Amino acid sequence: MTSTQRRNGWTLIVEDEPHQARALSRLLCSEFEVRVAATVREALEVIASNGTVRLVLTDMSLPGGRQKYGGLDVLDYVVDRLPDVPCAAVTGILDPCLDELLAERRTPMLPKPIGRATLDPLIDRALAFPIRSERLALHVIARVRGAHLTPVQRAVLCWLVAGRERADFCALHGTLASTFDWHVDELRKKFDGRPRIEALVGSLLREVIEPPRRRGG
């Protein structure tokens, strides 16, 4: 990963056709780390487990969706939980009904094939917002000496850092609330026995997002 990618964070491409996913990745990889999902469920899991995404580009004809156009499930998830994250529908479908559904979600449609100039406004929007949860989670993990987090613990930690609801995590992952709470308790133990992991997260939030200003700087 380049220094630019580390600084700018990651974007998600949801596309079940590999050649289309590769084409979109090439347009974004100079600014962002690019992650790809091929189904609705995979996309939601990637978002939930990896902190705040900077930009989401999704095809509309995706497997595993509850709606006629599976890409709408991805958009609904992002718009509801991460309203500041720019999204776009990348599709070759010509359907007036789909146009209306995207307009309701205030989501632009980008007809395939697309070029870099088409993406530039979305990239500018994505870079205008600071990275929060993923960078913060990495700082939290780095502070815990000898703590080896499982993938589930990392997902729970990112969820907590992003300020998301336990009920949403449980619904997405099919997890009981008691299981979520158990993972939180395990995280507390790994974080030097702090009584509340939220206190550490809040302290690091102020440090990472609003670092102290240097005098005379």
C-alpha atoms as a PDB file:
ATOM      1  CA  MET A   1       0.000   0.000   0.000  1.00  0.00           C
ATOM      2  CA  THR A   2       1.365   3.442  -0.906  1.00  0.00           C
ATOM      3  CA  SER A   3       1.559   6.393   1.497  1.00  0.00           C
ATOM      4  CA  THR A   4      -1.223   8.092  -0.470  1.00  0.00           C
ATOM      5  CA  GLN A   5      -3.482   5.067  -0.087  1.00  0.00           C
ATOM      6  CA  ARG A   6      -2.764   4.854   3.647  1.00  0.00           C
ATOM      7  CA  ARG A   7      -3.576   8.540   4.049  1.00  0.00           C
ATOM      8  CA  ASN A   8      -6.777   8.499   2.002  1.00  0.00           C
ATOM      9  CA  GLY A   9      -8.226   5.210   3.256  1.00  0.00           C
ATOM     10  CA  TRP A  10     -10.218   2.675   1.283  1.00  0.00           C
ATOM     11  CA  THR A  11     -13.065   2.483  -1.180  1.00  0.00           C
ATOM     12  CA  LEU A  12     -15.455  -0.335  -1.994  1.00  0.00           C
ATOM     13  CA  ILE A  13     -16.428  -1.605  -5.426  1.00  0.00           C
ATOM     14  CA  VAL A  14     -19.400  -3.967  -5.462  1.00  0.00           C
ATOM     15  CA  GLU A  15     -19.352  -5.761  -8.792  1.00  0.00           C
ATOM     16  CA  ASP A  16     -19.902  -9.424  -9.690  1.00  0.00           C
ATOM     17  CA  GLU A  17     -18.168  -9.191 -13.081  1.00  0.00           C
ATOM     18  CA  PRO A  18     -14.392  -9.431 -12.504  1.00  0.00           C
ATOM     19  CA  HIS A  19     -13.373  -7.454 -15.582  1.00  0.00           C
ATOM     20  CA  GLN A  20     -15.655  -4.560 -14.586  1.00  0.00           C
ATOM     21  CA  ALA A  21     -14.295  -4.628 -11.041  1.00  0.00           C
ATOM     22  CA  ARG A  22     -10.716  -4.521 -12.342  1.00  0.00           C
ATOM     23  CA  ALA A  23     -11.515  -1.590 -14.622  1.00  0.00           C
ATOM     24  CA  LEU A  24     -13.000   0.422 -11.747  1.00  0.00           C
ATOM     25  CA  SER A  25     -10.129  -0.521  -9.454  1.00  0.00           C
ATOM     26  CA  ARG A  26      -7.621   0.901 -11.926  1.00  0.00           C
ATOM     27  CA  LEU A  27      -9.451   4.225 -11.852  1.00  0.00           C
ATOM     28  CA  LEU A  28      -9.254   4.492  -8.055  1.00  0.00           C
ATOM     29  CA  CYS A  29      -6.075   2.727  -6.978  1.00  0.00           C
ATOM     30  CA  SER A  30      -3.822   5.772  -7.282  1.00  0.00           C
ATOM     31  CA  GLU A  31      -5.735   7.524  -4.461  1.00  0.00           C
ATOM     32  CA  PHE A  32      -7.241   4.732  -2.374  1.00  0.00           C
ATOM     33  CA  GLU A  33      -6.852   1.190  -1.252  1.00  0.00           C
ATOM     34  CA  VAL A  34      -9.579  -0.606  -3.235  1.00  0.00           C
ATOM     35  CA  ARG A  35     -11.625  -3.495  -1.888  1.00  0.00           C
ATOM     36  CA  VAL A  36     -14.009  -5.520  -4.012  1.00  0.00           C
ATOM     37  CA  ALA A  37     -17.154  -7.459  -3.118  1.00  0.00           C
ATOM     38  CA  ALA A  38     -19.172  -9.590  -5.528  1.00  0.00           C
ATOM     39  CA  THR A  39     -22.432 -10.012  -3.569  1.00  0.00           C
ATOM     40  CA  VAL A  40     -24.677  -7.914  -1.359  1.00  0.00           C
ATOM     41  CA  ARG A  41     -23.833  -9.891   1.774  1.00  0.00           C
ATOM     42  CA  GLU A  42     -20.106  -9.713   1.102  1.00  0.00           C
ATOM     43  CA  ALA A  43     -20.331  -5.949   0.620  1.00  0.00           C
ATOM     44  CA  LEU A  44     -22.145  -5.409   3.920  1.00  0.00           C
ATOM     45  CA  GLU A  45     -19.670  -7.608   5.767  1.00  0.00           C
ATOM     46  CA  VAL A  46     -16.698  -5.730   4.297  1.00  0.00           C
ATOM     47  CA  ILE A  47     -18.168  -2.381   5.363  1.00  0.00           C
ATOM     48  CA  ALA A  48     -19.088  -3.620   8.833  1.00  0.00           C
ATOM     49  CA  SER A  49     -15.707  -5.224   9.522  1.00  0.00           C
ATOM     50  CA  ASN A  50     -13.263  -2.654   8.190  1.00  0.00           C
ATOM     51  CA  GLY A  51     -14.183   0.751   9.523  1.00  0.00           C
ATOM     52  CA  THR A  52     -15.337   3.792   7.633  1.00  0.00           C
ATOM     53  CA  VAL A  53     -15.291   3.432   3.865  1.00  0.00           C
ATOM     54  CA  ARG A  54     -14.577   6.592   1.855  1.00  0.00           C
ATOM     55  CA  LEU A  55     -16.507   5.847  -1.347  1.00  0.00           C
ATOM     56  CA  VAL A  56     -18.881   3.108  -2.530  1.00  0.00           C
ATOM     57  CA  LEU A  57     -19.453   2.207  -6.180  1.00  0.00           C
ATOM     58  CA  THR A  58     -21.984  -0.538  -6.693  1.00  0.00           C
ATOM     59  CA  ASP A  59     -23.470  -2.379  -9.623  1.00  0.00           C
ATOM     60  CA  MET A  60     -27.224  -2.774  -9.501  1.00  0.00           C
ATOM     61  CA  SER A  61     -27.596  -6.382 -10.693  1.00  0.00           C
ATOM     62  CA  LEU A  62     -26.090  -8.184  -7.725  1.00  0.00           C
ATOM     63  CA  PRO A  63     -26.806 -11.620  -6.274  1.00  0.00           C
ATOM     64  CA  GLY A  64     -28.091 -11.993  -2.748  1.00  0.00           C
ATOM     65  CA  GLY A  65     -30.235  -8.885  -2.537  1.00  0.00           C
ATOM     66  CA  ARG A  66     -33.718  -8.591  -1.096  1.00  0.00           C
ATOM     67  CA  GLN A  67     -34.809  -6.083  -3.721  1.00  0.00           C
ATOM     68  CA  LYS A  68     -35.145  -6.469  -7.479  1.00  0.00           C
ATOM     69  CA  TYR A  69     -31.853  -4.628  -7.876  1.00  0.00           C
ATOM     70  CA  GLY A  70     -29.441  -5.950  -5.255  1.00  0.00           C
ATOM     71  CA  GLY A  71     -27.312  -2.828  -5.422  1.00  0.00           C
ATOM     72  CA  LEU A  72     -30.142  -0.946  -3.718  1.00  0.00           C
ATOM     73  CA  ASP A  73     -29.587  -3.045  -0.588  1.00  0.00           C
ATOM     74  CA  VAL A  74     -25.982  -1.867  -0.493  1.00  0.00           C
ATOM     75  CA  LEU A  75     -26.993   1.763  -1.022  1.00  0.00           C
ATOM     76  CA  ASP A  76     -29.695   1.593   1.657  1.00  0.00           C
ATOM     77  CA  TYR A  77     -27.194   0.211   4.160  1.00  0.00           C
ATOM     78  CA  VAL A  78     -24.633   2.935   3.477  1.00  0.00           C
ATOM     79  CA  VAL A  79     -27.111   5.819   3.243  1.00  0.00           C
ATOM     80  CA  ASP A  80     -28.777   4.792   6.501  1.00  0.00           C
ATOM     81  CA  ARG A  81     -25.625   4.225   8.553  1.00  0.00           C
ATOM     82  CA  LEU A  82     -22.937   6.305   6.850  1.00  0.00           C
ATOM     83  CA  PRO A  83     -24.809   9.242   5.299  1.00  0.00           C
ATOM     84  CA  ASP A  84     -21.655  11.282   4.630  1.00  0.00           C
ATOM     85  CA  VAL A  85     -20.068   8.588   2.472  1.00  0.00           C
ATOM     86  CA  PRO A  86     -20.467   9.269  -1.270  1.00  0.00           C
ATOM     87  CA  CYS A  87     -22.125   6.476  -3.258  1.00  0.00           C
ATOM     88  CA  ALA A  88     -22.897   5.877  -6.910  1.00  0.00           C
ATOM     89  CA  ALA A  89     -24.705   3.244  -8.930  1.00  0.00           C
ATOM     90  CA  VAL A  90     -22.523   1.945 -11.762  1.00  0.00           C
ATOM     91  CA  THR A  91     -24.781   0.170 -14.220  1.00  0.00           C
ATOM     92  CA  GLY A  92     -25.782  -0.328 -17.822  1.00  0.00           C
ATOM     93  CA  ILE A  93     -29.454  -0.879 -16.959  1.00  0.00           C
ATOM     94  CA  LEU A  94     -31.983   1.396 -18.631  1.00  0.00           C
ATOM     95  CA  ASP A  95     -35.040   1.378 -16.384  1.00  0.00           C
ATOM     96  CA  PRO A  96     -37.106   4.482 -15.504  1.00  0.00           C
ATOM     97  CA  CYS A  97     -38.156   2.781 -12.255  1.00  0.00           C
ATOM     98  CA  LEU A  98     -34.515   2.404 -11.251  1.00  0.00           C
ATOM     99  CA  ASP A  99     -33.916   6.062 -12.059  1.00  0.00           C
ATOM    100  CA  GLU A 100     -36.698   6.987  -9.610  1.00  0.00           C
ATOM    101  CA  LEU A 101     -35.377   4.660  -6.900  1.00  0.00           C
ATOM    102  CA  LEU A 102     -31.900   6.177  -7.152  1.00  0.00           C
ATOM    103  CA  ALA A 103     -33.329   9.695  -7.127  1.00  0.00           C
ATOM    104  CA  GLU A 104     -35.136   8.880  -3.863  1.00  0.00           C
ATOM    105  CA  ARG A 105     -31.771   7.924  -2.378  1.00  0.00           C
ATOM    106  CA  ARG A 106     -30.045  10.974  -3.891  1.00  0.00           C
ATOM    107  CA  THR A 107     -27.579   8.616  -5.538  1.00  0.00           C
ATOM    108  CA  PRO A 108     -26.131   9.365  -8.983  1.00  0.00           C
ATOM    109  CA  MET A 109     -26.143   6.775 -11.746  1.00  0.00           C
ATOM    110  CA  LEU A 110     -22.913   6.328 -13.690  1.00  0.00           C
ATOM    111  CA  PRO A 111     -23.555   4.503 -16.986  1.00  0.00           C
ATOM    112  CA  LYS A 112     -21.038   1.826 -17.954  1.00  0.00           C
ATOM    113  CA  PRO A 113     -18.362   2.139 -19.135  1.00  0.00           C
ATOM    114  CA  ILE A 114     -17.107   5.068 -17.079  1.00  0.00           C
ATOM    115  CA  GLY A 115     -13.900   7.076 -17.196  1.00  0.00           C
ATOM    116  CA  ARG A 116     -11.832   8.867 -14.603  1.00  0.00           C
ATOM    117  CA  ALA A 117     -13.378  12.267 -15.354  1.00  0.00           C
ATOM    118  CA  THR A 118     -16.787  10.885 -14.380  1.00  0.00           C
ATOM    119  CA  LEU A 119     -15.453   9.785 -10.993  1.00  0.00           C
ATOM    120  CA  ASP A 120     -13.539  12.966 -10.136  1.00  0.00           C
ATOM    121  CA  PRO A 121     -16.474  14.754  -8.381  1.00  0.00           C
ATOM    122  CA  LEU A 122     -17.115  11.686  -6.207  1.00  0.00           C
ATOM    123  CA  ILE A 123     -13.418  11.346  -5.398  1.00  0.00           C
ATOM    124  CA  ASP A 124     -13.300  14.997  -4.366  1.00  0.00           C
ATOM    125  CA  ARG A 125     -16.250  14.439  -2.024  1.00  0.00           C
ATOM    126  CA  ALA A 126     -14.650  11.321  -0.574  1.00  0.00           C
ATOM    127  CA  LEU A 127     -11.393  13.131   0.172  1.00  0.00           C
ATOM    128  CA  ALA A 128     -13.243  16.002   1.841  1.00  0.00           C
ATOM    129  CA  PHE A 129     -14.192  13.870   4.864  1.00  0.00           C
ATOM    130  CA  PRO A 130     -11.663  12.689   7.485  1.00  0.00           C
ATOM    131  CA  ILE A 131     -10.959   9.025   8.106  1.00  0.00           C
ATOM    132  CA  ARG A 132     -12.323   8.063  11.494  1.00  0.00           C
ATOM    133  CA  SER A 133     -13.066   4.550  12.585  1.00  0.00           C
ATOM    134  CA  GLU A 134     -10.504   2.492  10.685  1.00  0.00           C
ATOM    135  CA  ARG A 135      -7.515   4.650  11.545  1.00  0.00           C
ATOM    136  CA  LEU A 136      -8.747   4.937  15.109  1.00  0.00           C
ATOM    137  CA  ALA A 137      -9.213   1.177  15.436  1.00  0.00           C
ATOM    138  CA  LEU A 138      -5.653   0.618  14.241  1.00  0.00           C
ATOM    139  CA  HIS A 139      -4.366   3.107  16.818  1.00  0.00           C
ATOM    140  CA  VAL A 140      -6.365   1.390  19.544  1.00  0.00           C
ATOM    141  CA  ILE A 141      -5.034  -2.024  18.548  1.00  0.00           C
ATOM    142  CA  ALA A 142      -1.480  -0.688  18.429  1.00  0.00           C
ATOM    143  CA  ARG A 143      -1.828   0.540  22.012  1.00  0.00           C
ATOM    144  CA  VAL A 144      -2.682  -2.923  23.327  1.00  0.00           C
ATOM    145  CA  ARG A 145       0.566  -4.780  23.955  1.00  0.00           C
ATOM    146  CA  GLY A 146       0.299  -8.519  23.561  1.00  0.00           C
ATOM    147  CA  ALA A 147      -3.378  -8.420  22.664  1.00  0.00           C
ATOM    148  CA  HIS A 148      -4.210 -10.642  19.730  1.00  0.00           C
ATOM    149  CA  LEU A 149      -7.640  -9.738  18.416  1.00  0.00           C
ATOM    150  CA  THR A 150      -9.745 -12.262  16.565  1.00  0.00           C
ATOM    151  CA  PRO A 151     -11.493 -11.184  13.348  1.00  0.00           C
ATOM    152  CA  VAL A 152     -14.770 -10.923  15.272  1.00  0.00           C
ATOM    153  CA  GLN A 153     -13.191  -8.807  17.996  1.00  0.00           C
ATOM    154  CA  ARG A 154     -11.718  -6.501  15.369  1.00  0.00           C
ATOM    155  CA  ALA A 155     -15.149  -6.191  13.727  1.00  0.00           C
ATOM    156  CA  VAL A 156     -16.763  -5.374  17.081  1.00  0.00           C
ATOM    157  CA  LEU A 157     -14.052  -2.849  17.862  1.00  0.00           C
ATOM    158  CA  CYS A 158     -14.481  -1.085  14.518  1.00  0.00           C
ATOM    159  CA  TRP A 159     -18.218  -1.058  15.110  1.00  0.00           C
ATOM    160  CA  LEU A 160     -17.817   0.556  18.522  1.00  0.00           C
ATOM    161  CA  VAL A 161     -15.322   3.098  17.233  1.00  0.00           C
ATOM    162  CA  ALA A 162     -17.717   4.111  14.474  1.00  0.00           C
ATOM    163  CA  GLY A 163     -20.444   4.686  17.081  1.00  0.00           C
ATOM    164  CA  ARG A 164     -22.820   2.169  15.564  1.00  0.00           C
ATOM    165  CA  GLU A 165     -25.609   0.315  17.320  1.00  0.00           C
ATOM    166  CA  ARG A 166     -25.281  -3.175  18.764  1.00  0.00           C
ATOM    167  CA  ALA A 167     -28.632  -4.169  17.245  1.00  0.00           C
ATOM    168  CA  ASP A 168     -27.374  -3.380  13.733  1.00  0.00           C
ATOM    169  CA  PHE A 169     -24.248  -5.506  14.243  1.00  0.00           C
ATOM    170  CA  CYS A 170     -26.316  -8.424  15.523  1.00  0.00           C
ATOM    171  CA  ALA A 171     -28.780  -8.185  12.640  1.00  0.00           C
ATOM    172  CA  LEU A 172     -26.029  -8.085  10.019  1.00  0.00           C
ATOM    173  CA  HIS A 173     -23.957 -10.926  11.458  1.00  0.00           C
ATOM    174  CA  GLY A 174     -26.755 -13.064  12.878  1.00  0.00           C
ATOM    175  CA  THR A 175     -25.253 -12.629  16.354  1.00  0.00           C
ATOM    176  CA  LEU A 176     -27.047 -12.649  19.704  1.00  0.00           C
ATOM    177  CA  ALA A 177     -26.836  -9.495  21.802  1.00  0.00           C
ATOM    178  CA  SER A 178     -25.311 -11.565  24.609  1.00  0.00           C
ATOM    179  CA  THR A 179     -22.565 -12.750  22.231  1.00  0.00           C
ATOM    180  CA  PHE A 180     -21.799  -9.177  21.185  1.00  0.00           C
ATOM    181  CA  ASP A 181     -21.587  -8.173  24.862  1.00  0.00           C
ATOM    182  CA  TRP A 182     -19.261 -11.091  25.544  1.00  0.00           C
ATOM    183  CA  HIS A 183     -16.875  -9.886  22.823  1.00  0.00           C
ATOM    184  CA  VAL A 184     -16.996  -6.383  24.291  1.00  0.00           C
ATOM    185  CA  ASP A 185     -16.082  -7.803  27.705  1.00  0.00           C
ATOM    186  CA  GLU A 186     -13.168  -9.679  26.148  1.00  0.00           C
ATOM    187  CA  LEU A 187     -11.976  -6.477  24.484  1.00  0.00           C
ATOM    188  CA  ARG A 188     -12.145  -4.668  27.809  1.00  0.00           C
ATOM    189  CA  LYS A 189      -9.934  -7.321  29.373  1.00  0.00           C
ATOM    190  CA  LYS A 190      -7.400  -6.966  26.565  1.00  0.00           C
ATOM    191  CA  PHE A 191      -7.347  -3.206  26.942  1.00  0.00           C
ATOM    192  CA  ASP A 192      -5.504  -3.362  30.268  1.00  0.00           C
ATOM    193  CA  GLY A 193      -8.690  -3.954  32.223  1.00  0.00           C
ATOM    194  CA  ARG A 194     -10.162  -0.550  31.477  1.00  0.00           C
ATOM    195  CA  PRO A 195     -13.675  -0.408  32.933  1.00  0.00           C
ATOM    196  CA  ARG A 196     -15.099   1.069  29.740  1.00  0.00           C
ATOM    197  CA  ILE A 197     -13.580   0.628  26.301  1.00  0.00           C
ATOM    198  CA  GLU A 198     -15.550   3.698  25.202  1.00  0.00           C
ATOM    199  CA  ALA A 199     -13.360   5.886  27.437  1.00  0.00           C
ATOM    200  CA  LEU A 200     -10.214   4.765  25.637  1.00  0.00           C
ATOM    201  CA  VAL A 201     -11.872   5.164  22.272  1.00  0.00           C
ATOM    202  CA  GLY A 202     -12.980   8.693  23.152  1.00  0.00           C
ATOM    203  CA  SER A 203      -9.502   9.642  24.327  1.00  0.00           C
ATOM    204  CA  LEU A 204      -7.900   8.334  21.157  1.00  0.00           C
ATOM    205  CA  LEU A 205     -10.542  10.015  19.034  1.00  0.00           C
ATOM    206  CA  ARG A 206      -9.468  13.390  20.364  1.00  0.00           C
ATOM    207  CA  GLU A 207      -5.804  12.480  19.876  1.00  0.00           C
ATOM    208  CA  VAL A 208      -6.056  11.012  16.381  1.00  0.00           C
ATOM    209  CA  ILE A 209      -8.681  13.254  14.816  1.00  0.00           C
ATOM    210  CA  GLU A 210      -7.751  16.463  16.612  1.00  0.00           C
ATOM    211  CA  PRO A 211      -4.040  16.140  17.473  1.00  0.00           C
ATOM    212  CA  PRO A 212      -2.516  18.792  19.740  1.00  0.00           C
ATOM    213  CA  ARG A 213      -1.281  21.809  17.837  1.00  0.00           C
ATOM    214  CA  ARG A 214       2.431  22.553  18.009  1.00  0.00           C
ATOM    215  CA  ARG A 215       3.315  25.905  19.441  1.00  0.00           C
ATOM    216  CA  GLY A 216       4.444  28.275  16.809  1.00  0.00           C
ATOM    217  CA  GLY A 217       3.238  25.834  14.121  1.00  0.00           C
END
